[in-house]
Every structure is written in structure tokens, then in C-alpha cells.
Protein backbone atom coordinates (compact mmCIF):
# COMPACT_ATOMS: atom_id res chain seq x y z
CA MET A 1 95.02 43.42 55.25
CA ASN A 2 96.87 44.08 58.12
CA ARG A 3 96.43 47.34 60.29
CA ASP A 4 99.82 48.94 58.59
CA ASP A 5 98.03 48.50 54.97
CA LEU A 6 94.92 50.09 56.26
CA ILE A 7 96.91 52.87 57.78
CA GLU A 8 98.56 53.71 54.66
CA GLN A 9 95.31 53.65 52.61
CA ILE A 10 93.66 55.92 54.96
CA VAL A 11 96.43 58.58 54.79
CA ASP A 12 96.49 58.16 51.29
CA ALA A 13 92.98 58.18 50.36
CA PRO A 14 91.71 60.76 48.40
CA GLU A 15 88.53 63.03 50.25
CA ASP A 16 86.09 61.65 48.36
CA HIS A 17 87.18 58.02 48.51
CA PRO A 18 84.96 55.46 50.50
CA LEU A 19 87.86 55.22 53.62
CA SER A 20 87.09 58.79 53.92
CA LEU A 21 83.84 57.78 55.61
CA ILE A 22 86.02 57.63 58.80
CA GLU A 23 83.70 59.06 62.22
CA TRP A 24 86.10 62.20 62.22
CA ILE A 25 85.77 64.44 65.64
CA PRO A 26 86.23 67.86 65.59
CA VAL A 27 88.77 69.00 67.75
CA TRP A 28 86.54 72.12 69.15
CA GLU A 29 84.35 69.56 70.23
CA ARG A 30 86.14 66.73 71.62
CA LEU A 31 90.15 65.85 72.45
CA PRO A 32 91.44 62.45 72.89
CA GLU A 33 91.56 61.43 76.18
CA ASP A 34 94.75 59.00 75.99
CA GLN A 35 97.83 59.47 74.01
CA PHE A 36 97.28 56.62 71.62
CA ILE A 37 98.15 56.61 68.03
CA LYS A 38 94.95 58.91 65.72
CA LEU A 39 94.30 59.18 62.56
CA VAL A 40 94.80 63.16 62.77
CA ARG A 41 93.55 65.72 59.68
CA VAL A 42 95.55 68.85 59.09
CA LYS A 43 94.53 71.96 57.47
CA GLY A 44 96.04 72.16 54.33
CA SER A 45 98.15 68.74 54.42
CA GLY A 46 95.32 66.12 54.91
CA ILE A 47 95.44 62.73 57.06
CA GLY A 48 98.17 61.68 58.84
CA LEU A 49 99.13 60.05 62.23
CA GLY A 50 99.20 61.75 65.35
CA PHE A 51 98.91 61.82 68.97
CA PHE A 52 97.45 64.15 71.49
CA ALA A 53 100.43 64.72 74.04
CA ILE A 54 100.86 65.68 77.74
CA ASP A 55 101.37 69.02 77.09
CA LYS A 56 98.17 69.20 75.41
CA THR A 57 100.02 69.77 71.95
CA TRP A 58 99.72 67.56 68.84
CA GLN A 59 102.45 65.80 68.05
CA HIS A 60 103.02 63.75 64.66
CA VAL A 61 103.97 60.21 64.79
CA PHE A 62 107.65 61.11 62.89
CA PHE A 63 108.62 64.69 62.92
CA GLY A 64 107.37 65.87 65.79
CA SER A 65 104.67 69.14 66.16
CA LEU A 66 101.22 69.00 64.47
CA ASP A 67 99.60 72.47 63.78
CA SER A 68 96.54 73.15 62.59
CA VAL A 69 95.04 69.56 63.57
CA THR A 70 91.15 69.94 63.21
CA HIS A 71 89.69 66.32 63.21
CA TRP A 72 91.13 63.03 64.82
CA SER A 73 89.60 59.56 64.37
CA LYS A 74 90.44 56.45 66.07
CA ILE A 75 92.61 53.91 63.89
CA PRO A 76 90.03 51.36 62.91
CA GLU A 77 90.48 47.83 63.92
CA VAL A 78 91.45 45.39 61.57
CA HIS A 79 89.72 41.86 61.73
CA ASP A 80 91.52 39.10 59.72
CA GLY A 81 89.57 36.76 58.19
């Protein structure tokens, strides 16, 4: 499985799926220190891909501004083998 496949499985996983065991960080507890792409949980919309921009807003990878991000997580590393 490559990284893109893993991301797709995480984004499409129902909340009771084992992939939901990812360590989610609440935005009120801590914000990312970099602008790398993260998994984000959006209130009412589920899980997607986004980043925390220089202007201190959450941005979706493809669609622009993201409102109501509640949690974020680094994308898990993929090890072939």
C-alpha cells in the first residue's frame, strides 16, 4: 500500500473503523507548527486533507478555506515491506 492509498482509506473510513484510531490533536490544545498537509476532522463534514496556513487559517488541499476544523493529525508513515 502506498501513501496515497492509505490517505484515501483514512479519509473514507467510518468513525468506528480501526483507522479512526489515529492520534487526533484538538485544535484548542495545539496547532501545527508547520504548513505540511495534515489529516483534518471538520465538524459536520468528516475527515479530509488540509494545512494550517501562514495567515493562521485552515485550508483544504483542493477547495480553499476550511471552516470548523476540530482536530488534526500527521499523515501516518507508510513502510513498504
